[in-house]
Amino acid sequence: MPINLTWLGHSTFKIQTAEGKVLLIDPWITQNPLCPESEKHQPQVDVLLCTHGHGDHIGDAVSLCLQHQPTVVGIFELASWLGSKGAKNISPMNKGGTQQVAGINITMVHAVHSCGIQEADGSFIYAGEACGYVLEFPSGFTLYHAGDTAVFSDMQIIHDLYHPDIALLPMGDHFTMGIREAEYACKLLQPRIVVPMHFGTFPILTGNPHTLPHPTFELWDMQPGVSRPLPEK
């Protein structure tokens, strides 16, 4: 059974592993305008990974934790906040660390972005720092989810240490990298495959991935709700 990757719109991805586990990264589905109706209800969530505390990345995290009690991976402060909301199986970590969850080696890496959780009264609480993740599957295939970020020079370190086969990169501009910066990020990361994310959800996210030059990698034009198997290592 291959590893299947499904984009649910914006920065939300579902990964179904060869062993039948389901991972959700940045769970924002019910209010996500790009998420298909068929994906609004998730019958299985074994692992939840959160890159930072903004609502368009953790909007459904609490409800999914209460429904499925997945293993929750996040930076210490954010994971602890989810624990205070009823998540029973938090597994907090910090940048540079690696832990194994559901047979996958999960490494938390840097991201350049703000982070905070907006409460109902409009105030913000501290939620640690924004991050990205490198996932190494038992097959040796490596996936990098950059989270929300600007391009940064340490992406070269991510390449040197982890050699991501596939990179999920924001390209919408304004709040994250645009196309110019994403092109430079690809030069640093040198992945085999690039999947654009965090674009087109709202009019302000104007970055167009179709204009990204890709002479050295395959650009996957994924559609929300459509799964693609990850290639062999």
C-alpha atoms as a PDB file:
ATOM      1  CA  MET A   1       0.000   0.000   0.000  1.00  0.00           C
ATOM      2  CA  PRO A   2       1.515   3.367  -1.008  1.00  0.00           C
ATOM      3  CA  ILE A   3       1.623   6.507   1.101  1.00  0.00           C
ATOM      4  CA  ASN A   4      -1.194   8.764  -0.118  1.00  0.00           C
ATOM      5  CA  LEU A   5      -1.092  12.556   0.064  1.00  0.00           C
ATOM      6  CA  THR A   6      -4.302  14.584  -0.086  1.00  0.00           C
ATOM      7  CA  TRP A   7      -4.405  18.388  -0.157  1.00  0.00           C
ATOM      8  CA  LEU A   8      -7.483  19.734   1.628  1.00  0.00           C
ATOM      9  CA  GLY A   9      -6.861  23.333   0.595  1.00  0.00           C
ATOM     10  CA  HIS A  10      -4.735  26.119   2.067  1.00  0.00           C
ATOM     11  CA  SER A  11      -2.019  24.402   4.187  1.00  0.00           C
ATOM     12  CA  THR A  12      -4.046  21.389   5.292  1.00  0.00           C
ATOM     13  CA  PHE A  13      -2.851  17.964   4.184  1.00  0.00           C
ATOM     14  CA  LYS A  14      -3.972  14.441   4.957  1.00  0.00           C
ATOM     15  CA  ILE A  15      -1.430  11.630   4.767  1.00  0.00           C
ATOM     16  CA  GLN A  16      -2.483   7.989   4.772  1.00  0.00           C
ATOM     17  CA  THR A  17       0.476   5.792   5.564  1.00  0.00           C
ATOM     18  CA  ALA A  18       1.281   2.355   4.196  1.00  0.00           C
ATOM     19  CA  GLU A  19       0.338   0.992   7.611  1.00  0.00           C
ATOM     20  CA  GLY A  20      -3.137   2.563   7.510  1.00  0.00           C
ATOM     21  CA  LYS A  21      -2.532   5.511   9.846  1.00  0.00           C
ATOM     22  CA  VAL A  22      -4.000   8.936   9.058  1.00  0.00           C
ATOM     23  CA  LEU A  23      -2.061  12.132   9.731  1.00  0.00           C
ATOM     24  CA  LEU A  24      -3.520  15.622   9.433  1.00  0.00           C
ATOM     25  CA  ILE A  25      -1.205  18.615   9.133  1.00  0.00           C
ATOM     26  CA  ASP A  26      -2.581  22.067  10.017  1.00  0.00           C
ATOM     27  CA  PRO A  27      -6.199  20.975  10.511  1.00  0.00           C
ATOM     28  CA  TRP A  28      -8.447  23.696   9.112  1.00  0.00           C
ATOM     29  CA  ILE A  29     -11.324  22.055   7.295  1.00  0.00           C
ATOM     30  CA  THR A  30     -14.840  23.092   8.310  1.00  0.00           C
ATOM     31  CA  GLN A  31     -14.355  26.796   7.504  1.00  0.00           C
ATOM     32  CA  ASN A  32     -11.740  26.224   4.790  1.00  0.00           C
ATOM     33  CA  PRO A  33     -13.336  27.471   1.541  1.00  0.00           C
ATOM     34  CA  LEU A  34     -11.164  25.155  -0.564  1.00  0.00           C
ATOM     35  CA  CYS A  35     -11.852  21.995   1.416  1.00  0.00           C
ATOM     36  CA  PRO A  36     -14.386  19.767  -0.392  1.00  0.00           C
ATOM     37  CA  GLU A  37     -17.584  18.938   1.465  1.00  0.00           C
ATOM     38  CA  SER A  38     -16.653  15.261   1.315  1.00  0.00           C
ATOM     39  CA  GLU A  39     -13.602  16.019   3.473  1.00  0.00           C
ATOM     40  CA  LYS A  40     -15.303  18.207   6.079  1.00  0.00           C
ATOM     41  CA  HIS A  41     -15.812  15.155   8.300  1.00  0.00           C
ATOM     42  CA  GLN A  42     -12.750  13.052   9.013  1.00  0.00           C
ATOM     43  CA  PRO A  43     -13.660   9.541  10.241  1.00  0.00           C
ATOM     44  CA  GLN A  44     -10.087   8.729  11.289  1.00  0.00           C
ATOM     45  CA  VAL A  45      -7.271  10.908  12.624  1.00  0.00           C
ATOM     46  CA  ASP A  46      -4.357   9.157  14.322  1.00  0.00           C
ATOM     47  CA  VAL A  47      -1.792  11.981  14.358  1.00  0.00           C
ATOM     48  CA  LEU A  48      -2.317  15.749  14.313  1.00  0.00           C
ATOM     49  CA  LEU A  49       0.579  18.057  13.454  1.00  0.00           C
ATOM     50  CA  CYS A  50       0.282  21.825  13.919  1.00  0.00           C
ATOM     51  CA  THR A  51       2.841  24.279  12.540  1.00  0.00           C
ATOM     52  CA  HIS A  52       1.554  27.317  14.455  1.00  0.00           C
ATOM     53  CA  GLY A  53      -1.447  28.728  16.255  1.00  0.00           C
ATOM     54  CA  HIS A  54      -3.208  30.883  13.666  1.00  0.00           C
ATOM     55  CA  GLY A  55      -6.855  30.026  13.092  1.00  0.00           C
ATOM     56  CA  ASP A  56      -6.387  29.046   9.450  1.00  0.00           C
ATOM     57  CA  HIS A  57      -4.031  26.287  10.657  1.00  0.00           C
ATOM     58  CA  ILE A  58      -5.599  25.004  13.909  1.00  0.00           C
ATOM     59  CA  GLY A  59      -9.251  25.914  13.337  1.00  0.00           C
ATOM     60  CA  ASP A  60     -10.440  22.317  13.801  1.00  0.00           C
ATOM     61  CA  ALA A  61      -7.664  21.065  16.055  1.00  0.00           C
ATOM     62  CA  VAL A  62      -9.646  21.132  19.299  1.00  0.00           C
ATOM     63  CA  SER A  63     -12.752  19.451  17.870  1.00  0.00           C
ATOM     64  CA  LEU A  64     -10.674  16.745  16.163  1.00  0.00           C
ATOM     65  CA  CYS A  65      -8.765  16.129  19.390  1.00  0.00           C
ATOM     66  CA  LEU A  66     -11.996  15.685  21.310  1.00  0.00           C
ATOM     67  CA  GLN A  67     -13.467  13.414  18.650  1.00  0.00           C
ATOM     68  CA  HIS A  68     -10.495  11.166  17.859  1.00  0.00           C
ATOM     69  CA  GLN A  69      -7.897  11.766  20.615  1.00  0.00           C
ATOM     70  CA  PRO A  70      -4.999  11.577  18.143  1.00  0.00           C
ATOM     71  CA  THR A  71      -1.365  11.993  19.082  1.00  0.00           C
ATOM     72  CA  VAL A  72      -0.859  15.751  18.895  1.00  0.00           C
ATOM     73  CA  VAL A  73       2.526  17.044  17.742  1.00  0.00           C
ATOM     74  CA  GLY A  74       3.336  20.716  18.098  1.00  0.00           C
ATOM     75  CA  ILE A  75       5.755  23.134  19.638  1.00  0.00           C
ATOM     76  CA  PHE A  76       5.619  22.944  23.449  1.00  0.00           C
ATOM     77  CA  GLU A  77       3.348  25.917  24.115  1.00  0.00           C
ATOM     78  CA  LEU A  78       0.837  25.120  21.369  1.00  0.00           C
ATOM     79  CA  ALA A  79       0.635  21.417  22.229  1.00  0.00           C
ATOM     80  CA  SER A  80       0.185  22.307  25.901  1.00  0.00           C
ATOM     81  CA  TRP A  81      -2.657  24.706  25.010  1.00  0.00           C
ATOM     82  CA  LEU A  82      -4.391  21.919  23.087  1.00  0.00           C
ATOM     83  CA  GLY A  83      -3.909  19.719  26.135  1.00  0.00           C
ATOM     84  CA  SER A  84      -5.714  22.329  28.224  1.00  0.00           C
ATOM     85  CA  LYS A  85      -8.616  22.134  25.746  1.00  0.00           C
ATOM     86  CA  GLY A  86      -9.041  18.384  26.135  1.00  0.00           C
ATOM     87  CA  ALA A  87      -6.393  16.715  23.974  1.00  0.00           C
ATOM     88  CA  LYS A  88      -5.336  13.611  25.894  1.00  0.00           C
ATOM     89  CA  ASN A  89      -2.316  12.508  23.876  1.00  0.00           C
ATOM     90  CA  ILE A  90      -0.088  15.532  23.391  1.00  0.00           C
ATOM     91  CA  SER A  91       3.505  14.955  22.348  1.00  0.00           C
ATOM     92  CA  PRO A  92       5.128  18.411  22.486  1.00  0.00           C
ATOM     93  CA  MET A  93       8.573  19.059  21.055  1.00  0.00           C
ATOM     94  CA  ASN A  94      10.776  21.908  19.889  1.00  0.00           C
ATOM     95  CA  LYS A  95      12.902  22.903  16.938  1.00  0.00           C
ATOM     96  CA  GLY A  96      15.774  20.581  16.138  1.00  0.00           C
ATOM     97  CA  GLY A  97      14.207  17.650  17.949  1.00  0.00           C
ATOM     98  CA  THR A  98      13.024  14.368  16.449  1.00  0.00           C
ATOM     99  CA  GLN A  99      10.485  11.911  17.767  1.00  0.00           C
ATOM    100  CA  GLN A 100       8.875   8.788  16.335  1.00  0.00           C
ATOM    101  CA  VAL A 101       5.101   8.780  16.048  1.00  0.00           C
ATOM    102  CA  ALA A 102       3.110   6.078  14.222  1.00  0.00           C
ATOM    103  CA  GLY A 103       6.382   4.705  12.868  1.00  0.00           C
ATOM    104  CA  ILE A 104       7.364   8.058  11.308  1.00  0.00           C
ATOM    105  CA  ASN A 105      10.395  10.071  12.365  1.00  0.00           C
ATOM    106  CA  ILE A 106       9.102  13.615  12.860  1.00  0.00           C
ATOM    107  CA  THR A 107      11.643  16.433  13.051  1.00  0.00           C
ATOM    108  CA  MET A 108      10.594  19.971  13.920  1.00  0.00           C
ATOM    109  CA  VAL A 109      12.447  22.591  11.890  1.00  0.00           C
ATOM    110  CA  HIS A 110      12.529  26.355  11.751  1.00  0.00           C
ATOM    111  CA  ALA A 111      10.008  28.651  10.063  1.00  0.00           C
ATOM    112  CA  VAL A 112       9.974  32.441   9.815  1.00  0.00           C
ATOM    113  CA  HIS A 113       6.487  33.606  10.722  1.00  0.00           C
ATOM    114  CA  SER A 114       4.452  34.958  13.627  1.00  0.00           C
ATOM    115  CA  CYS A 115       2.517  32.727  16.002  1.00  0.00           C
ATOM    116  CA  GLY A 116      -0.344  33.315  18.407  1.00  0.00           C
ATOM    117  CA  ILE A 117      -3.769  31.965  19.242  1.00  0.00           C
ATOM    118  CA  GLN A 118      -6.660  34.404  18.955  1.00  0.00           C
ATOM    119  CA  GLU A 119      -9.191  33.996  21.727  1.00  0.00           C
ATOM    120  CA  ALA A 120     -12.923  34.642  21.405  1.00  0.00           C
ATOM    121  CA  ASP A 121     -12.524  38.193  22.730  1.00  0.00           C
ATOM    122  CA  GLY A 122      -9.977  39.012  20.015  1.00  0.00           C
ATOM    123  CA  SER A 123      -6.938  38.910  22.272  1.00  0.00           C
ATOM    124  CA  PHE A 124      -3.896  36.785  21.448  1.00  0.00           C
ATOM    125  CA  ILE A 125      -2.058  34.349  23.684  1.00  0.00           C
ATOM    126  CA  TYR A 126       1.512  33.169  23.247  1.00  0.00           C
ATOM    127  CA  ALA A 127       1.742  29.890  21.343  1.00  0.00           C
ATOM    128  CA  GLY A 128       5.476  29.379  21.002  1.00  0.00           C
ATOM    129  CA  GLU A 129       7.062  29.886  17.594  1.00  0.00           C
ATOM    130  CA  ALA A 130       5.998  28.877  14.110  1.00  0.00           C
ATOM    131  CA  CYS A 131       7.708  25.778  12.747  1.00  0.00           C
ATOM    132  CA  GLY A 132       7.872  23.295   9.886  1.00  0.00           C
ATOM    133  CA  TYR A 133       8.178  19.513   9.899  1.00  0.00           C
ATOM    134  CA  VAL A 134      10.297  16.905   8.170  1.00  0.00           C
ATOM    135  CA  LEU A 135       8.647  13.475   8.090  1.00  0.00           C
ATOM    136  CA  GLU A 136      10.748  10.417   7.318  1.00  0.00           C
ATOM    137  CA  PHE A 137       8.633   7.357   6.549  1.00  0.00           C
ATOM    138  CA  PRO A 138       9.786   3.750   7.104  1.00  0.00           C
ATOM    139  CA  SER A 139      10.467   3.463   3.362  1.00  0.00           C
ATOM    140  CA  GLY A 140      13.014   6.281   3.660  1.00  0.00           C
ATOM    141  CA  PHE A 141      10.825   8.749   1.719  1.00  0.00           C
ATOM    142  CA  THR A 142      11.079  12.222   3.266  1.00  0.00           C
ATOM    143  CA  LEU A 143       8.432  14.951   3.215  1.00  0.00           C
ATOM    144  CA  TYR A 144       8.932  18.580   4.272  1.00  0.00           C
ATOM    145  CA  HIS A 145       5.939  20.721   5.253  1.00  0.00           C
ATOM    146  CA  ALA A 146       7.279  24.256   5.555  1.00  0.00           C
ATOM    147  CA  GLY A 147       4.326  25.718   7.443  1.00  0.00           C
ATOM    148  CA  ASP A 148       3.841  29.450   6.963  1.00  0.00           C
ATOM    149  CA  THR A 149       7.234  30.965   6.287  1.00  0.00           C
ATOM    150  CA  ALA A 150       9.436  33.361   4.416  1.00  0.00           C
ATOM    151  CA  VAL A 151      12.396  31.876   2.593  1.00  0.00           C
ATOM    152  CA  PHE A 152      15.370  31.566   4.942  1.00  0.00           C
ATOM    153  CA  SER A 153      18.967  30.494   4.447  1.00  0.00           C
ATOM    154  CA  ASP A 154      18.690  27.527   6.827  1.00  0.00           C
ATOM    155  CA  MET A 155      16.588  25.763   4.198  1.00  0.00           C
ATOM    156  CA  GLN A 156      20.034  24.783   2.953  1.00  0.00           C
ATOM    157  CA  ILE A 157      20.530  22.946   6.262  1.00  0.00           C
ATOM    158  CA  ILE A 158      17.192  21.171   5.795  1.00  0.00           C
ATOM    159  CA  HIS A 159      18.488  19.945   2.446  1.00  0.00           C
ATOM    160  CA  ASP A 160      21.887  18.949   3.794  1.00  0.00           C
ATOM    161  CA  LEU A 161      20.536  17.043   6.806  1.00  0.00           C
ATOM    162  CA  TYR A 162      17.233  15.607   5.610  1.00  0.00           C
ATOM    163  CA  HIS A 163      17.240  15.646   1.769  1.00  0.00           C
ATOM    164  CA  PRO A 164      13.464  16.076   1.387  1.00  0.00           C
ATOM    165  CA  ASP A 165      12.032  14.160  -1.558  1.00  0.00           C
ATOM    166  CA  ILE A 166       8.920  16.332  -1.568  1.00  0.00           C
ATOM    167  CA  ALA A 167       8.457  19.885  -0.278  1.00  0.00           C
ATOM    168  CA  LEU A 168       5.078  21.434   0.546  1.00  0.00           C
ATOM    169  CA  LEU A 169       5.727  25.161   0.192  1.00  0.00           C
ATOM    170  CA  PRO A 170       3.553  28.258   0.728  1.00  0.00           C
ATOM    171  CA  MET A 171       3.450  30.531  -2.313  1.00  0.00           C
ATOM    172  CA  GLY A 172       0.515  32.880  -1.832  1.00  0.00           C
ATOM    173  CA  ASP A 173       2.571  36.001  -0.954  1.00  0.00           C
ATOM    174  CA  HIS A 174       1.507  38.733   1.504  1.00  0.00           C
ATOM    175  CA  PHE A 175       1.537  36.506   4.620  1.00  0.00           C
ATOM    176  CA  THR A 176       4.165  34.020   3.386  1.00  0.00           C
ATOM    177  CA  MET A 177       6.610  33.571   0.531  1.00  0.00           C
ATOM    178  CA  GLY A 178       5.566  34.587  -2.934  1.00  0.00           C
ATOM    179  CA  ILE A 179       6.733  32.971  -6.165  1.00  0.00           C
ATOM    180  CA  ARG A 180      10.091  34.759  -6.290  1.00  0.00           C
ATOM    181  CA  GLU A 181      10.975  33.602  -2.791  1.00  0.00           C
ATOM    182  CA  ALA A 182       9.584  30.105  -3.377  1.00  0.00           C
ATOM    183  CA  GLU A 183      11.842  29.726  -6.409  1.00  0.00           C
ATOM    184  CA  TYR A 184      14.844  30.537  -4.224  1.00  0.00           C
ATOM    185  CA  ALA A 185      13.597  28.126  -1.533  1.00  0.00           C
ATOM    186  CA  CYS A 186      13.502  25.346  -4.133  1.00  0.00           C
ATOM    187  CA  LYS A 187      17.118  26.057  -5.062  1.00  0.00           C
ATOM    188  CA  LEU A 188      18.103  25.656  -1.414  1.00  0.00           C
ATOM    189  CA  LEU A 189      15.993  22.566  -0.715  1.00  0.00           C
ATOM    190  CA  GLN A 190      16.568  20.716  -4.007  1.00  0.00           C
ATOM    191  CA  PRO A 191      13.497  18.445  -3.694  1.00  0.00           C
ATOM    192  CA  ARG A 192      12.336  15.961  -6.315  1.00  0.00           C
ATOM    193  CA  ILE A 193       8.751  17.212  -6.059  1.00  0.00           C
ATOM    194  CA  VAL A 194       7.214  20.527  -4.984  1.00  0.00           C
ATOM    195  CA  VAL A 195       3.579  20.952  -3.896  1.00  0.00           C
ATOM    196  CA  PRO A 196       2.307  24.551  -3.682  1.00  0.00           C
ATOM    197  CA  MET A 197       0.097  25.532  -0.749  1.00  0.00           C
ATOM    198  CA  HIS A 198      -1.303  28.613   1.041  1.00  0.00           C
ATOM    199  CA  PHE A 199      -2.340  30.325  -2.193  1.00  0.00           C
ATOM    200  CA  GLY A 200      -5.666  31.272  -3.737  1.00  0.00           C
ATOM    201  CA  THR A 201      -7.714  30.717  -0.582  1.00  0.00           C
ATOM    202  CA  PHE A 202      -8.502  34.428  -0.347  1.00  0.00           C
ATOM    203  CA  PRO A 203      -8.076  37.222  -2.935  1.00  0.00           C
ATOM    204  CA  ILE A 204      -5.138  38.677  -1.003  1.00  0.00           C
ATOM    205  CA  LEU A 205      -3.109  35.484  -1.593  1.00  0.00           C
ATOM    206  CA  THR A 206      -2.150  36.345  -5.148  1.00  0.00           C
ATOM    207  CA  GLY A 207       0.862  34.089  -5.721  1.00  0.00           C
ATOM    208  CA  ASN A 208       0.356  31.909  -8.809  1.00  0.00           C
ATOM    209  CA  PRO A 209       2.245  28.578  -8.615  1.00  0.00           C
ATOM    210  CA  HIS A 210       1.842  28.068 -12.360  1.00  0.00           C
ATOM    211  CA  THR A 211       4.437  30.806 -12.860  1.00  0.00           C
ATOM    212  CA  LEU A 212       7.045  29.009 -10.737  1.00  0.00           C
ATOM    213  CA  PRO A 213      10.004  27.868 -12.870  1.00  0.00           C
ATOM    214  CA  HIS A 214      10.678  24.185 -12.253  1.00  0.00           C
ATOM    215  CA  PRO A 215      13.542  22.923 -14.405  1.00  0.00           C
ATOM    216  CA  THR A 216      14.975  20.647 -11.698  1.00  0.00           C
ATOM    217  CA  PHE A 217      11.888  19.254  -9.962  1.00  0.00           C
ATOM    218  CA  GLU A 218       8.370  18.043 -10.639  1.00  0.00           C
ATOM    219  CA  LEU A 219       5.627  20.522  -9.745  1.00  0.00           C
ATOM    220  CA  TRP A 220       2.466  18.824  -8.527  1.00  0.00           C
ATOM    221  CA  ASP A 221      -0.676  20.813  -9.335  1.00  0.00           C
ATOM    222  CA  MET A 222      -2.823  19.160  -6.688  1.00  0.00           C
ATOM    223  CA  GLN A 223      -6.559  19.700  -6.490  1.00  0.00           C
ATOM    224  CA  PRO A 224      -8.310  19.778  -3.099  1.00  0.00           C
ATOM    225  CA  GLY A 225      -9.650  16.393  -2.108  1.00  0.00           C
ATOM    226  CA  VAL A 226      -7.740  14.435  -4.763  1.00  0.00           C
ATOM    227  CA  SER A 227      -5.142  11.997  -3.425  1.00  0.00           C
ATOM    228  CA  ARG A 228      -1.805  11.202  -4.996  1.00  0.00           C
ATOM    229  CA  PRO A 229       0.469   8.311  -4.047  1.00  0.00           C
ATOM    230  CA  LEU A 230       3.972   9.295  -3.074  1.00  0.00           C
ATOM    231  CA  PRO A 231       6.564   7.709  -5.353  1.00  0.00           C
ATOM    232  CA  GLU A 232       8.995   5.045  -4.288  1.00  0.00           C
ATOM    233  CA  LYS A 233      12.191   6.218  -2.645  1.00  0.00           C
END
